[in-house]
């Protein structure tokens, strides 16, 4: 697969303040440090202090059995939204799929490219290659939360997919529909690094909540399953 040179993320002049804060947080330390080292601790911290652990070690490892239960369902060319350090893009390539990862973190893009994958430093809401022609789109590892507005993210995914394209999403094991303002925190340096503490919107959805948003819109249900304690939903673009 040809390696694509990463481009820069959306500029502050064209992004909303919330989107700019999200790009700043995912692009800077301590997230970049965690990806480079391959280990945490790393959290999303709500404004009330509640912490959501981020599974950096799993993200930086090879695709596991739960990941493969998703990737084997992929059809055609695959867009991995929020690709992180690139394990899914690399695994898709080994399965014979043409795959592109996108992430707002230059460190994530660099690690994906280092694995031999193709990746761009972009937000899902930026202009992207192949819009309206992707066979499958991935929203794994909590990425259904991007932007804190699942309805908007689902609409964007529908525009990225080709006719009858497939969205494969990971949901929370909890029956939850939560929107929150969060920032990235390594538990040690939340107040000492440039850009630390900037809040950005995030969402957490269980399966029922995701279907509640998807089914009245541009989607039909194409499957639900659990693997390794993780929960997944397949949606078909109508």
Foldseek 3Di string as FASTA:
>chain_A
DDADDADAEDDPVPDDPQVVLVLLQCADPPNLVCLVVQHAQKWWAFPVGDTDGAGSNQLNDADDPQLVVQLVPFDAAEEEAQSFLANSQLVNVVVVHNYEYEALYPSSQVNNVVSVGYYYNYHLPDDDPQFQDHQEYEQERQNCFPQQDNLVVLVSVLRRHHAFHKYKYWADPDQDWDKGWTGMDRPPDQPPDPSHPRTHITIHHHPVVNCVSPVVPQWDWDDWDDDPNIIMTMITGD
